Structures are given as C-alpha cells and as structure tokens.
C-alpha cells in the first residue's frame, strides 16, 4: 500500500517536473523551506530586537542621567545580543532568497522584512559613535518585523509577476527601500533629541547638551545617507520604468509620493543649513517628511485613488 502510494507520488513528481512552466523546488530547497517555516526566524528576531533594544535604551539613557560603572558592563553584552539577532535576521533573508531563487523584497511583507534589516544595519553602522542609536534602531526594527508578522501580512513565497522578473528588482528596490531604514533612524533620533531638549530641569538639559549634539550629528549623517540612497533609487527606478513601460517618469501615484518625499527631505536639509538654531521647527519638518515617506512606502497601496491606476500596487500581498 505504501509502496503503491510512493509510486504514484513519484509519477506525479516526474509529470510536474516535465510539464511545469516554472522550475520546481529542489529537494534541498524543500528541506530549507520546511526549516524556514518551523524556525520562524523573523518572529524571534522581532521579539529579540524589541526586548534587547528596549533594555539597551533604558540602560543607555540611565547612564546619561546618572552614570554608574556597572551599567557599562551590562551595555556591552546587550550590544553583542543585537549583533547576534541581526545575524539571525540576515540568515532568514538569505534562506528566503535561496528558497525563492530571487531577491526577497518583491511584495509588502518582504519589503518590511528588508526595511527592518536596513534599519538594524543603520544602527550598527553608528555603533562606535552611539549605543543609543543602536538601541533605537534595534527597537524600531523589532516593531517593523512584528507588524510584518501580523495576520494581515501574507508571508507566502510566491512567484514574481512578469514585470518584476528583472535584475532591476534587486538593484532599484534594494537601494530605495534601504533609504527607509536610515530615514527611520533619523526620525527616532529627532524625537529623542526633542525629548532631551524639552526636559523641564535646566540642569538636566545642560547635562545632556553634549549628547544632544552627538545625536544631531548622527541624525544629519543618517539623513544624508538616506537621501543619497533615495535619490539613487528614484534614478534607477526611472531607468527600469523606461525599459518596462517605455517612459522614465509618468506621475504614477507611487512616483508622485516618492517625488514629494524627496523634495520634503531636501527642503528639511536646506532649512537646517539656513537656520541651524531652529531645532524644534526643523524637527517638525522631519516629522512631516517621515509621514510622506510612510505614504510613499506603504500607504499608497491602500489609497482607493491608486487602485487600478498605479503600476506599483501589485505588491499588496
């Protein structure tokens, strides 16, 4: 009986291999997919990022307000844990890439996984300058991964739609969505800077001034990196659009929001250069720019006016 069933399955496998229009998964890919589904790497990465990031933020801020020697011995292993969680997160992306045979940032779920990775990477790039930046990045990456693992997000690995079967998927989408991670770090640093500046006790504000200046410098660095990546991503997207649709720019809703986001961040940088002392007003501009970014990245998929009009709404799943 089991031998007969095995023969039938073997015949079905041979038939599928010959008749399928797309390559089927190999035995190794199937085994890796089984491991990937059972391990829930992104879920545990989300839990780890949020828990360790929050703890690290509490200890770092506490060390600023009331320095203690023992706190440093706690911060070091927490930083090491963030690095380990980042490696776990990276391995999840690599396994998903191997299973699907393509760059894993082709739909809404995968884009959130990748943006969380870019956010954590941005925090790690500034690890020598500021443990607080790493803490914010880890916590924010955890929130993004947590949202990605909610029920309304579809984690299924699906074939690409024809227009996405291009090497530009790996280049354009990777570059432009990587900028979202740096913009997210900039936004969080801006909020933390505003919180420090709004401390009611003048003595505490004076005590935090060196750290506020440090956060501003890192904020500006992260913002500039994000803007460079966004600019490059828009340019690469225009080249891809010309190959796919025969035009560089068509004022598609996604393109329009991307342009609005780009101009908003550019205006913020010029305002900061022109009026460096207007910190609170500048942070309001940073908030507006970040909200525009959310519409460009995610909100555009749910705008009724974009449905059936935008060529970028195929990544809702």
Protein backbone atom coordinates (compact mmCIF):
# COMPACT_ATOMS: atom_id res chain seq x y z
CA UNK A 1 0.00 0.00 0.00
CA UNK A 2 2.70 2.49 0.97
CA UNK A 3 4.80 1.32 -1.97
CA UNK A 4 1.89 2.00 -4.33
CA UNK A 5 1.38 5.45 -2.86
CA UNK A 6 5.09 6.14 -3.24
CA UNK A 7 4.98 5.10 -6.89
CA UNK A 8 2.03 7.41 -7.55
CA UNK A 9 3.82 10.32 -5.87
CA UNK A 10 6.94 9.59 -7.90
CA UNK A 11 4.91 9.61 -11.12
CA UNK A 12 3.27 12.91 -10.12
CA UNK A 13 6.69 14.39 -9.39
CA UNK A 14 8.03 13.34 -12.81
CA UNK A 15 4.95 14.77 -14.51
CA UNK A 16 5.25 18.08 -12.66
CA UNK A 17 8.94 18.36 -13.48
CA UNK A 18 8.25 17.90 -17.19
CA UNK A 19 5.04 19.91 -17.55
CA UNK A 20 5.66 22.82 -15.17
CA UNK A 21 6.26 26.17 -16.89
CA UNK A 22 8.45 27.32 -14.00
CA UNK A 23 11.28 25.41 -12.28
CA UNK A 24 10.14 23.45 -9.24
CA UNK A 25 11.93 23.44 -5.91
CA UNK A 26 14.81 21.05 -5.46
CA UNK A 27 14.93 18.64 -2.51
CA UNK A 28 17.36 20.94 -0.71
CA UNK A 29 15.09 23.94 -1.23
CA UNK A 30 12.13 21.96 0.13
CA UNK A 31 14.12 20.98 3.23
CA UNK A 32 15.21 24.57 3.77
CA UNK A 33 11.63 25.78 3.36
CA UNK A 34 10.43 23.28 5.97
CA UNK A 35 13.13 24.55 8.33
CA UNK A 36 12.29 28.17 7.48
CA UNK A 37 8.59 27.67 8.30
CA UNK A 38 9.29 25.86 11.58
CA UNK A 39 12.07 28.13 12.81
CA UNK A 40 10.06 31.40 12.47
CA UNK A 41 13.29 33.34 12.26
CA UNK A 42 11.67 36.72 11.65
CA UNK A 43 9.25 36.33 14.57
CA UNK A 44 12.04 35.54 17.02
CA UNK A 45 14.16 38.31 15.52
CA UNK A 46 11.28 40.73 16.18
CA UNK A 47 10.96 39.62 19.79
CA UNK A 48 14.71 39.82 20.30
CA UNK A 49 15.08 43.25 18.69
CA UNK A 50 12.27 44.77 20.77
CA UNK A 51 13.33 43.24 24.08
CA UNK A 52 17.07 43.85 23.78
CA UNK A 53 16.62 47.24 22.09
CA UNK A 54 14.32 48.46 24.88
CA UNK A 55 16.67 47.22 27.59
CA UNK A 56 19.65 48.79 25.88
CA UNK A 57 17.82 52.10 25.53
CA UNK A 58 16.86 52.11 29.22
CA UNK A 59 20.42 51.41 30.36
CA UNK A 60 21.99 53.92 27.96
CA UNK A 61 19.61 56.74 28.93
CA UNK A 62 20.03 55.84 32.60
CA UNK A 63 23.79 56.02 32.19
CA UNK A 64 23.47 59.52 30.72
CA UNK A 65 21.30 60.80 33.56
CA UNK A 66 23.13 59.03 36.38
CA UNK A 67 26.47 57.47 35.35
CA UNK A 68 27.38 54.20 37.04
CA UNK A 69 30.30 51.90 36.35
CA UNK A 70 28.36 48.63 36.39
CA UNK A 71 26.00 49.83 33.67
CA UNK A 72 28.78 49.69 31.08
CA UNK A 73 29.30 46.01 31.81
CA UNK A 74 25.61 45.45 31.03
CA UNK A 75 25.58 47.52 27.84
CA UNK A 76 28.37 45.53 26.15
CA UNK A 77 26.58 42.13 26.19
CA UNK A 78 23.32 43.81 25.10
CA UNK A 79 25.12 45.26 22.09
CA UNK A 80 26.52 41.80 21.33
CA UNK A 81 22.98 40.36 21.52
CA UNK A 82 21.76 42.92 18.97
CA UNK A 83 24.55 41.81 16.63
CA UNK A 84 23.55 38.15 17.07
CA UNK A 85 19.89 38.95 16.41
CA UNK A 86 20.92 40.87 13.29
CA UNK A 87 22.81 37.79 12.07
CA UNK A 88 19.69 35.68 12.72
CA UNK A 89 17.63 38.20 10.78
CA UNK A 90 20.15 38.18 7.93
CA UNK A 91 20.15 34.37 7.80
CA UNK A 92 16.35 34.44 7.47
CA UNK A 93 16.60 36.75 4.47
CA UNK A 94 19.31 34.57 2.96
CA UNK A 95 17.25 31.39 3.40
CA UNK A 96 14.16 33.02 1.89
CA UNK A 97 16.32 34.19 -1.04
CA UNK A 98 17.62 30.64 -1.57
CA UNK A 99 14.14 29.12 -1.44
CA UNK A 100 12.52 31.63 -3.81
CA UNK A 101 15.52 31.94 -6.11
CA UNK A 102 15.12 35.72 -6.23
CA UNK A 103 15.75 38.83 -4.16
CA UNK A 104 13.28 38.66 -1.23
CA UNK A 105 11.83 42.18 -1.39
CA UNK A 106 9.15 41.88 -4.08
CA UNK A 107 5.97 42.39 -2.00
CA UNK A 108 4.73 44.24 1.08
CA UNK A 109 5.74 41.53 3.57
CA UNK A 110 9.22 41.13 2.13
CA UNK A 111 9.75 44.88 1.91
CA UNK A 112 9.03 45.21 5.64
CA UNK A 113 11.48 42.40 6.40
CA UNK A 114 14.12 44.18 4.33
CA UNK A 115 13.45 47.65 5.72
CA UNK A 116 13.75 46.24 9.26
CA UNK A 117 17.10 44.76 8.22
CA UNK A 118 18.24 48.09 6.75
CA UNK A 119 17.17 49.87 9.96
CA UNK A 120 19.19 47.49 12.12
CA UNK A 121 22.14 47.83 9.74
CA UNK A 122 21.95 51.63 10.00
CA UNK A 123 22.13 51.34 13.79
CA UNK A 124 25.13 49.01 13.59
CA UNK A 125 26.97 51.46 11.30
CA UNK A 126 26.87 54.03 14.10
CA UNK A 127 27.67 51.55 16.87
CA UNK A 128 31.03 53.15 17.72
CA UNK A 129 29.56 56.63 17.92
CA UNK A 130 26.38 55.95 19.85
CA UNK A 131 24.92 52.93 21.63
CA UNK A 132 21.69 54.89 21.91
CA UNK A 133 21.34 54.95 18.12
CA UNK A 134 21.78 51.18 18.03
CA UNK A 135 19.14 50.77 20.74
CA UNK A 136 16.62 52.88 18.82
CA UNK A 137 17.42 51.08 15.58
CA UNK A 138 17.01 47.64 17.15
CA UNK A 139 13.71 48.53 18.82
CA UNK A 140 12.33 50.10 15.64
CA UNK A 141 13.47 47.11 13.55
CA UNK A 142 11.64 44.85 16.00
CA UNK A 143 8.43 46.85 15.63
CA UNK A 144 8.62 46.64 11.83
CA UNK A 145 9.19 42.87 11.97
CA UNK A 146 6.38 42.47 14.49
CA UNK A 147 3.94 44.29 12.19
CA UNK A 148 5.16 42.18 9.26
CA UNK A 149 4.28 39.02 11.23
CA UNK A 150 0.71 40.10 11.95
CA UNK A 151 -2.12 38.17 10.32
CA UNK A 152 -2.96 40.74 7.64
CA UNK A 153 0.52 40.34 6.09
CA UNK A 154 0.94 37.36 3.76
CA UNK A 155 4.34 35.66 4.30
CA UNK A 156 3.84 33.16 1.47
CA UNK A 157 6.70 32.82 -1.01
CA UNK A 158 5.07 33.39 -4.39
CA UNK A 159 6.33 33.61 -7.98
CA UNK A 160 7.09 37.04 -9.37
CA UNK A 161 4.67 38.84 -11.65
CA UNK A 162 6.19 39.25 -15.14
CA UNK A 163 7.14 42.92 -14.77
CA UNK A 164 9.27 42.13 -11.70
CA UNK A 165 11.30 39.43 -13.42
CA UNK A 166 14.23 41.73 -13.92
CA UNK A 167 17.64 42.31 -12.36
CA UNK A 168 16.38 45.83 -11.62
CA UNK A 169 14.28 44.35 -8.82
CA UNK A 170 17.40 43.54 -6.83
CA UNK A 171 19.05 46.90 -7.61
CA UNK A 172 16.28 49.51 -7.59
CA UNK A 173 14.14 48.14 -4.76
CA UNK A 174 17.14 47.30 -2.58
CA UNK A 175 18.58 50.80 -2.87
CA UNK A 176 15.39 52.81 -2.46
CA UNK A 177 14.00 50.78 0.45
CA UNK A 178 17.36 50.79 2.21
CA UNK A 179 16.93 54.56 2.47
CA UNK A 180 13.79 53.99 4.56
CA UNK A 181 15.89 52.43 7.31
CA UNK A 182 18.17 55.46 7.56
CA UNK A 183 15.20 57.84 7.45
CA UNK A 184 13.60 55.84 10.26
CA UNK A 185 16.73 56.20 12.39
CA UNK A 186 16.79 59.92 11.66
CA UNK A 187 13.15 60.24 12.73
CA UNK A 188 13.70 58.40 16.02
CA UNK A 189 16.84 60.41 16.79
CA UNK A 190 14.86 63.57 16.12
CA UNK A 191 12.16 62.54 18.59
CA UNK A 192 14.73 61.63 21.23
CA UNK A 193 16.55 64.92 20.70
CA UNK A 194 13.28 66.81 21.11
CA UNK A 195 12.58 64.87 24.32
CA UNK A 196 16.01 65.77 25.72
CA UNK A 197 15.57 69.42 24.75
CA UNK A 198 12.16 69.51 26.43
CA UNK A 199 13.47 68.28 29.78
CA UNK A 200 11.97 70.59 32.40
CA UNK A 201 15.03 70.78 34.62
CA UNK A 202 17.60 73.25 33.18
CA UNK A 203 20.43 71.40 34.92
CA UNK A 204 19.46 68.16 33.16
CA UNK A 205 19.26 69.94 29.81
CA UNK A 206 22.75 71.35 30.38
CA UNK A 207 23.99 67.88 31.34
CA UNK A 208 22.52 66.39 28.17
CA UNK A 209 23.85 69.07 25.80
CA UNK A 210 26.92 67.05 24.65
CA UNK A 211 24.69 64.06 23.99
CA UNK A 212 22.10 66.20 22.19
CA UNK A 213 24.85 67.49 19.94
CA UNK A 214 26.03 63.93 19.31
CA UNK A 215 22.50 62.85 18.37
CA UNK A 216 22.16 65.81 15.99
CA UNK A 217 25.38 64.89 14.22
CA UNK A 218 24.35 61.25 13.81
CA UNK A 219 20.88 62.39 12.75
CA UNK A 220 22.36 64.53 9.99
CA UNK A 221 24.67 61.73 8.84
CA UNK A 222 21.82 59.22 8.72
CA UNK A 223 19.59 61.71 6.92
CA UNK A 224 22.19 62.42 4.24
CA UNK A 225 22.83 58.71 3.64
CA UNK A 226 19.09 58.14 3.34
CA UNK A 227 18.69 60.99 0.86
CA UNK A 228 21.58 59.73 -1.26
CA UNK A 229 20.03 56.26 -1.38
CA UNK A 230 16.57 57.65 -2.15
CA UNK A 231 17.96 59.79 -4.97
CA UNK A 232 19.84 56.84 -6.45
CA UNK A 233 16.78 54.61 -6.04
CA UNK A 234 14.49 57.05 -7.87
CA UNK A 235 17.02 57.38 -10.69
CA UNK A 236 17.39 53.60 -11.02
CA UNK A 237 13.62 53.22 -10.92
CA UNK A 238 13.29 55.66 -13.80
CA UNK A 239 15.73 53.60 -15.86
CA UNK A 240 13.76 50.44 -15.08
CA UNK A 241 10.49 52.20 -15.95
CA UNK A 242 11.89 53.15 -19.33
CA UNK A 243 12.81 49.53 -20.01
CA UNK A 244 9.46 48.17 -18.82
CA UNK A 245 6.94 50.81 -19.87
CA UNK A 246 8.82 52.98 -22.35
CA UNK A 247 8.93 56.12 -20.21
CA UNK A 248 11.17 57.40 -17.43
CA UNK A 249 8.52 59.20 -15.41
CA UNK A 250 4.76 59.04 -15.65
CA UNK A 251 3.45 60.64 -12.45
CA UNK A 252 2.22 57.31 -11.22
CA UNK A 253 0.87 57.72 -7.62
CA UNK A 254 3.92 55.89 -6.24
CA UNK A 255 6.27 58.09 -8.26
CA UNK A 256 4.41 61.23 -7.17
CA UNK A 257 4.70 60.36 -3.48
CA UNK A 258 8.35 59.44 -3.96
CA UNK A 259 8.97 62.87 -5.50
CA UNK A 260 7.10 64.57 -2.64
CA UNK A 261 9.19 62.65 -0.10
CA UNK A 262 12.42 63.53 -1.88
CA UNK A 263 11.56 67.26 -2.04
CA UNK A 264 10.45 67.23 1.60
CA UNK A 265 13.73 65.80 2.89
CA UNK A 266 15.70 68.10 0.61
CA UNK A 267 13.77 71.10 1.96
CA UNK A 268 14.47 69.93 5.52
CA UNK A 269 18.21 69.74 4.87
CA UNK A 270 18.24 73.23 3.32
CA UNK A 271 16.24 74.59 6.27
CA UNK A 272 18.74 73.07 8.71
CA UNK A 273 21.65 74.61 6.81
CA UNK A 274 19.96 78.01 6.62
CA UNK A 275 18.67 78.11 10.19
CA UNK A 276 20.82 75.78 12.30
CA UNK A 277 19.48 77.19 15.57
CA UNK A 278 15.80 76.45 14.80
CA UNK A 279 15.91 72.90 16.13
CA UNK A 280 12.28 72.46 17.14
CA UNK A 281 10.89 73.81 13.85
CA UNK A 282 13.30 71.61 11.94
CA UNK A 283 12.10 68.53 13.84
CA UNK A 284 8.52 69.32 12.79
CA UNK A 285 9.71 69.28 9.18
CA UNK A 286 11.41 65.95 9.85
CA UNK A 287 8.11 64.54 11.14
CA UNK A 288 6.26 65.71 8.01
CA UNK A 289 8.93 64.17 5.77
CA UNK A 290 8.67 60.85 7.63
CA UNK A 291 4.87 60.81 7.23
CA UNK A 292 5.26 61.40 3.50
CA UNK A 293 7.73 58.52 3.42
CA UNK A 294 5.15 56.20 5.01
CA UNK A 295 2.65 57.12 2.31
CA UNK A 296 5.26 56.50 -0.38
CA UNK A 297 6.34 53.16 1.03
CA UNK A 298 3.19 51.58 2.36
CA UNK A 299 0.14 53.87 2.40
CA UNK A 300 -0.08 54.21 -1.38
CA UNK A 301 -1.10 50.55 -1.64
CA UNK A 302 -4.33 51.26 0.24
CA UNK A 303 -5.37 54.52 -1.39
CA UNK A 304 -8.57 53.97 -3.40
CA UNK A 305 -7.38 56.53 -5.96
CA UNK A 306 -4.29 54.39 -6.64
CA UNK A 307 -6.12 51.13 -7.22
CA UNK A 308 -6.25 50.33 -10.91
CA UNK A 309 -4.14 53.41 -11.68
CA UNK A 310 -0.74 52.79 -10.10
CA UNK A 311 1.51 50.17 -11.65
CA UNK A 312 3.14 49.78 -8.23
CA UNK A 313 0.13 48.34 -6.37
CA UNK A 314 0.87 44.76 -7.35
CA UNK A 315 2.85 44.29 -4.12
CA UNK A 316 -0.14 44.31 -1.78
CA UNK A 317 0.27 40.63 -0.86
